[in-house]
Amino acid sequence: MVLLLVAIAVGIIIVTVLIVKYTKTNPRAVLGMDRKCNRCGTIIDGAECPKCKNNKMSFGV
């Protein structure tokens, strides 16, 4: 009986944490992707930056 009450309490805590995280998350944040390139800072619409895509470092090879 006590184990059941503990499981219910843990479930309520988990649900409360998930509801709080859901309400604080920006609705436009999709999969945690940034809209800026990490190298040059250009705003991009896809997964790859068109500026940095062509300028890959080849180490002189």
Protein backbone atom coordinates (compact mmCIF):
# COMPACT_ATOMS: atom_id res chain seq x y z
CA MET A 1 0.00 0.00 0.00
CA VAL A 2 2.79 2.39 0.90
CA LEU A 3 4.60 1.53 -2.32
CA LEU A 4 1.49 2.45 -4.28
CA LEU A 5 1.25 5.83 -2.56
CA VAL A 6 4.93 6.53 -3.24
CA ALA A 7 4.47 5.62 -6.92
CA ILE A 8 1.47 7.93 -7.19
CA ALA A 9 3.40 10.78 -5.56
CA VAL A 10 6.37 10.29 -7.92
CA GLY A 11 3.99 10.22 -10.89
CA ILE A 12 2.36 13.47 -9.81
CA ILE A 13 5.78 15.13 -9.41
CA ILE A 14 6.89 13.97 -12.87
CA VAL A 15 3.67 15.20 -14.49
CA THR A 16 4.01 18.56 -12.74
CA VAL A 17 7.61 18.99 -13.95
CA LEU A 18 6.62 18.10 -17.52
CA ILE A 19 3.72 20.57 -17.49
CA VAL A 20 6.01 23.35 -16.23
CA LYS A 21 8.61 22.55 -18.92
CA TYR A 22 5.90 22.55 -21.59
CA THR A 23 4.56 25.95 -20.56
CA LYS A 24 8.03 27.55 -20.42
CA THR A 25 9.24 26.17 -23.77
CA ASN A 26 9.02 28.51 -26.75
CA PRO A 27 6.50 27.11 -29.28
CA ARG A 28 8.79 28.10 -32.14
CA ALA A 29 11.69 26.03 -30.81
CA VAL A 30 11.65 22.95 -33.00
CA LEU A 31 14.10 20.21 -32.05
CA GLY A 32 16.42 22.75 -30.50
CA MET A 33 17.82 23.92 -33.85
CA ASP A 34 19.31 27.38 -34.13
CA ARG A 35 18.56 29.54 -37.13
CA LYS A 36 22.11 30.92 -37.15
CA CYS A 37 25.23 29.29 -38.52
CA ASN A 38 27.77 28.34 -35.84
CA ARG A 39 30.74 29.47 -37.96
CA CYS A 40 29.70 32.73 -39.60
CA GLY A 41 26.48 33.72 -37.78
CA THR A 42 24.36 34.00 -40.94
CA ILE A 43 20.65 33.30 -40.52
CA ILE A 44 19.85 30.04 -42.34
CA ASP A 45 16.58 28.33 -43.24
CA GLY A 46 17.84 24.78 -43.62
CA ALA A 47 20.37 22.49 -41.98
CA GLU A 48 23.42 23.79 -43.89
CA CYS A 49 24.78 27.27 -44.33
CA PRO A 50 25.18 28.19 -48.01
CA LYS A 51 28.27 30.33 -47.26
CA CYS A 52 30.13 27.76 -45.17
CA LYS A 53 29.06 24.81 -47.32
CA ASN A 54 31.41 25.88 -50.13
CA ASN A 55 34.26 26.98 -47.86
CA LYS A 56 35.21 23.70 -46.22
CA MET A 57 38.68 23.52 -44.75
CA SER A 58 40.81 20.94 -46.55
CA PHE A 59 44.13 21.56 -44.72
CA GLY A 60 45.95 22.29 -47.99
CA VAL A 61 45.12 19.00 -49.67
